[in-house]
Protein backbone atom coordinates (compact mmCIF):
# COMPACT_ATOMS: atom_id res chain seq x y z
CA UNK A 1 -20.51 -3.80 1.45
CA UNK A 2 -17.62 -4.52 3.44
CA UNK A 3 -17.09 -7.61 5.19
CA UNK A 4 -14.23 -6.93 7.86
CA UNK A 5 -13.37 -3.57 9.57
CA UNK A 6 -10.06 -2.12 8.49
CA UNK A 7 -7.02 -4.09 9.83
CA UNK A 8 -3.64 -2.66 11.15
CA UNK A 9 -1.73 -3.44 7.99
CA UNK A 10 -3.52 -0.60 5.85
CA UNK A 11 -4.04 -2.91 2.95
CA UNK A 12 -7.52 -3.70 1.60
CA UNK A 13 -8.41 -6.69 -0.51
CA UNK A 14 -11.47 -6.94 -2.74
CA UNK A 15 -13.53 -10.03 -2.78
CA UNK A 16 -15.91 -10.09 -5.62
CA UNK A 17 -18.67 -12.97 -5.83
CA UNK A 18 -22.24 -13.12 -6.18
CA UNK A 19 -22.49 -15.96 -3.74
CA UNK A 20 -22.49 -15.00 -0.09
CA UNK A 21 -21.12 -18.39 0.81
CA UNK A 22 -18.17 -18.18 -1.23
CA UNK A 23 -17.38 -14.61 0.18
CA UNK A 24 -17.67 -16.21 3.75
CA UNK A 25 -15.43 -18.88 2.68
CA UNK A 26 -12.71 -16.54 1.22
CA UNK A 27 -12.99 -14.46 4.56
CA UNK A 28 -12.33 -17.36 6.67
CA UNK A 29 -9.15 -18.24 4.45
CA UNK A 30 -7.82 -14.84 4.52
CA UNK A 31 -8.86 -13.38 7.93
CA UNK A 32 -5.63 -14.36 9.61
CA UNK A 33 -3.39 -12.31 7.46
CA UNK A 34 -4.51 -9.06 9.10
CA UNK A 35 -5.88 -7.09 6.04
CA UNK A 36 -8.99 -5.43 5.58
CA UNK A 37 -11.42 -7.57 3.39
CA UNK A 38 -13.89 -5.89 1.30
CA UNK A 39 -16.96 -7.48 0.02
CA UNK A 40 -18.57 -6.84 -3.58
CA UNK A 41 -21.51 -9.13 -4.48
CA UNK A 42 -21.31 -8.09 -8.36
CA UNK A 43 -19.01 -6.47 -10.96
CA UNK A 44 -21.07 -3.35 -10.49
CA UNK A 45 -20.85 -3.28 -6.74
CA UNK A 46 -16.72 -3.92 -7.32
CA UNK A 47 -16.22 -0.80 -9.26
CA UNK A 48 -18.06 1.10 -6.95
CA UNK A 49 -15.87 -0.19 -4.22
CA UNK A 50 -12.76 0.82 -6.20
CA UNK A 51 -13.96 4.19 -6.29
CA UNK A 52 -14.26 4.45 -2.39
CA UNK A 53 -10.89 3.20 -1.35
CA UNK A 54 -7.51 1.92 -2.41
CA UNK A 55 -7.09 -1.55 -3.08
CA UNK A 56 -4.03 -3.82 -3.38
CA UNK A 57 -5.57 -6.91 -4.58
CA UNK A 58 -8.69 -8.28 -6.42
CA UNK A 59 -9.85 -11.65 -6.21
CA UNK A 60 -12.78 -11.86 -8.95
CA UNK A 61 -15.29 -14.58 -9.73
CA UNK A 62 -15.42 -15.50 -13.38
CA UNK A 63 -19.13 -16.55 -13.28
CA UNK A 64 -21.72 -13.77 -12.12
CA UNK A 65 -24.96 -12.73 -13.41
CA UNK A 66 -24.98 -9.64 -15.36
CA UNK A 67 -21.39 -8.17 -15.62
CA UNK A 68 -19.25 -11.51 -15.39
CA UNK A 69 -15.59 -11.67 -14.00
CA UNK A 70 -14.23 -10.92 -17.53
CA UNK A 71 -16.25 -7.96 -18.06
CA UNK A 72 -15.45 -6.63 -14.75
CA UNK A 73 -11.69 -7.01 -15.14
CA UNK A 74 -11.89 -4.99 -18.49
CA UNK A 75 -13.72 -2.12 -16.94
CA UNK A 76 -10.98 -2.20 -14.03
CA UNK A 77 -8.15 -2.10 -16.53
CA UNK A 78 -9.76 0.65 -18.48
CA UNK A 79 -9.58 3.00 -15.57
CA UNK A 80 -6.40 4.83 -15.17
CA UNK A 81 -6.76 5.05 -11.27
CA UNK A 82 -7.25 1.06 -11.05
CA UNK A 83 -5.58 -0.27 -14.07
CA UNK A 84 -2.46 -1.70 -12.33
CA UNK A 85 -4.31 -3.50 -9.51
CA UNK A 86 -3.56 -7.32 -9.49
CA UNK A 87 -6.56 -9.48 -10.20
CA UNK A 88 -6.81 -13.11 -9.50
CA UNK A 89 -9.39 -15.06 -11.28
CA UNK A 90 -11.64 -17.68 -9.04
CA UNK A 91 -13.71 -20.11 -10.97
CA UNK A 92 -15.11 -23.65 -10.88
CA UNK A 93 -13.02 -26.24 -12.43
CA UNK A 94 -15.52 -28.07 -14.57
CA UNK A 95 -15.48 -27.02 -18.32
CA UNK A 96 -13.70 -23.59 -17.73
CA UNK A 97 -10.06 -24.53 -17.93
CA UNK A 98 -9.92 -23.80 -21.34
CA UNK A 99 -11.14 -20.22 -20.70
CA UNK A 100 -8.16 -19.35 -18.53
CA UNK A 101 -6.47 -17.32 -21.50
CA UNK A 102 -9.41 -15.09 -21.31
CA UNK A 103 -8.68 -14.03 -18.03
CA UNK A 104 -5.07 -13.52 -18.52
CA UNK A 105 -5.99 -11.21 -21.76
CA UNK A 106 -8.36 -9.46 -19.74
CA UNK A 107 -5.63 -8.53 -17.31
CA UNK A 108 -5.77 -11.10 -14.57
CA UNK A 109 -2.23 -12.13 -13.06
CA UNK A 110 -3.20 -15.41 -11.85
CA UNK A 111 -6.02 -17.90 -12.18
CA UNK A 112 -7.33 -20.37 -9.40
CA UNK A 113 -9.93 -23.02 -9.77
CA UNK A 114 -12.32 -23.98 -7.47
CA UNK A 115 -12.22 -25.85 -5.12
CA UNK A 116 -8.60 -24.43 -4.68
CA UNK A 117 -6.20 -25.39 -1.68
CA UNK A 118 -6.54 -22.55 0.92
CA UNK A 119 -3.00 -22.68 1.63
CA UNK A 120 -2.19 -21.86 -2.07
CA UNK A 121 -4.55 -18.94 -1.97
CA UNK A 122 -3.02 -17.45 1.21
CA UNK A 123 0.26 -17.89 -0.31
CA UNK A 124 -0.61 -16.11 -3.41
CA UNK A 125 -2.29 -13.46 -1.67
CA UNK A 126 1.01 -12.90 0.52
CA UNK A 127 3.29 -12.63 -2.62
CA UNK A 128 0.71 -9.93 -4.18
CA UNK A 129 0.48 -8.13 -0.90
CA UNK A 130 4.34 -7.83 -0.24
CA UNK A 131 4.80 -6.40 -3.87
CA UNK A 132 2.16 -3.87 -3.30
CA UNK A 133 3.92 -2.75 0.12
CA UNK A 134 7.12 -2.68 -1.59
CA UNK A 135 5.87 -0.53 -4.33
CA UNK A 136 4.24 1.69 -1.87
CA UNK A 137 7.59 2.05 0.04
CA UNK A 138 9.49 2.82 -2.95
CA UNK A 139 6.67 5.68 -4.04
CA UNK A 140 7.24 7.06 -0.28
CA UNK A 141 10.95 6.89 -0.78
CA UNK A 142 10.75 8.86 -4.37
CA UNK A 143 8.42 11.53 -2.73
CA UNK A 144 10.98 12.15 -0.07
CA UNK A 145 13.82 12.38 -2.36
CA UNK A 146 11.55 14.82 -4.62
CA UNK A 147 11.19 16.85 -1.29
CA UNK A 148 14.71 16.76 -0.52
CA UNK A 149 15.70 17.92 -4.00
CA UNK A 150 12.95 20.73 -3.69
CA UNK A 151 14.45 22.22 -0.52
CA UNK A 152 18.22 21.79 -1.94
CA UNK A 153 16.89 23.81 -5.07
CA UNK A 154 15.11 26.52 -2.90
CA UNK A 155 18.22 27.53 -1.21
CA UNK A 156 16.58 27.06 2.41
CA UNK A 157 18.70 24.44 3.72
CA UNK A 158 20.64 26.46 5.55
CA UNK A 159 17.67 27.90 7.25
CA UNK A 160 16.02 24.74 7.90
CA UNK A 161 19.57 23.22 9.54
CA UNK A 162 19.93 26.16 11.62
CA UNK A 163 16.36 25.48 12.80
CA UNK A 164 17.07 22.01 13.56
CA UNK A 165 20.10 22.91 15.52
CA UNK A 166 18.16 25.36 17.42
CA UNK A 167 15.30 22.32 18.24
CA UNK A 168 18.14 20.09 19.35
CA UNK A 169 19.69 22.72 21.59
CA UNK A 170 16.32 23.35 23.18
CA UNK A 171 15.81 19.66 23.63
CA UNK A 172 19.08 19.47 25.22
CA UNK A 173 18.16 21.88 27.60
CA UNK A 174 15.00 20.07 28.67
CA UNK A 175 16.48 16.90 28.85
CA UNK A 176 19.19 18.40 31.26
CA UNK A 177 16.70 19.77 33.39
CA UNK A 178 14.74 16.41 34.02
CA UNK A 179 17.91 14.67 34.54
CA UNK A 180 17.23 11.70 32.87
CA UNK A 181 20.56 10.25 31.29
CA UNK A 182 18.83 8.71 28.21
CA UNK A 183 17.10 11.73 27.20
CA UNK A 184 20.17 13.87 27.77
CA UNK A 185 22.56 11.25 25.55
CA UNK A 186 19.99 11.41 22.72
CA UNK A 187 19.45 15.34 22.71
CA UNK A 188 23.36 15.40 22.68
CA UNK A 189 23.73 12.91 19.86
CA UNK A 190 21.06 15.10 17.84
CA UNK A 191 23.00 18.26 18.78
CA UNK A 192 26.58 17.01 17.74
CA UNK A 193 24.73 15.40 14.28
CA UNK A 194 22.99 18.97 13.41
CA UNK A 195 26.16 20.83 14.47
CA UNK A 196 28.13 18.65 12.02
CA UNK A 197 25.89 19.35 9.17
CA UNK A 198 26.09 23.06 9.75
CA UNK A 199 29.44 22.99 9.81
CA UNK A 200 29.50 21.20 6.50
CA UNK A 201 27.54 23.50 4.94
CA UNK A 202 29.16 26.18 2.43
CA UNK A 203 29.91 29.72 3.78
CA UNK A 204 27.73 32.45 2.25
CA UNK A 205 29.75 34.69 -0.01
CA UNK A 206 29.52 38.42 0.92
CA UNK A 207 29.26 40.35 -2.21
CA UNK A 208 32.17 42.83 -2.55
C-alpha cells in the first residue's frame, strides 16, 4: 500500500517493515523531504511495489516474518530491473550488529541500527536521492545525444533547421503584431541564432 501521494520531486522511496508503527515513524522523519513514500508491510509486498513503479531507494527492515530482509534483498538484486536500486537495512541494535556483513553481502549499501538518529537517516536518504537524480540526468543527456547523432546520421538536419528557421520567422511576425517588446526581442534572437546555424551548414553538392 502507498502511504503518501506522489510528491513534486518525482522520486519514490520504498519503506518496508511489518510493523505499522515503524512505517509511521519513517514517514514522519522523511515526509518533509518532498518525495513519494511507498509502504510495504512484507517482503512479498515490496517485490510487488517494485513491479508497479520506479523506486529510487529502499529502506528495508531486517526482521520480518516469512520473507525476511536478507531474502527480500536477494530477490531484489536477482531482478535485472531492480538490481541497481540502493538498499539501506534498518534493524534493532541488540544482538544483531554482527549480522551487518550479511546485509552488505545481500546487496545493501548501508546499515542503520534502531533506534537511529532521524537526522542521520534524512542525511543518508538525501545523499542517495541526489545520486539517483544525477544518474537520471546523465541518462537523459545520453538519450538526447543519441537522438542528435541519429539526426546527423539521417541527413535530415538541413530540413529540420529550415523548419526551425520558418518557425522563428513566424514567431517574429506574431510578436511584431502584438507589439510586445520582449516578445519581439526574443523572436529576433531566435531568428538570428537559427539563421546563423543555416548559414553554417555545408552547401549541398549539385551532381555534374
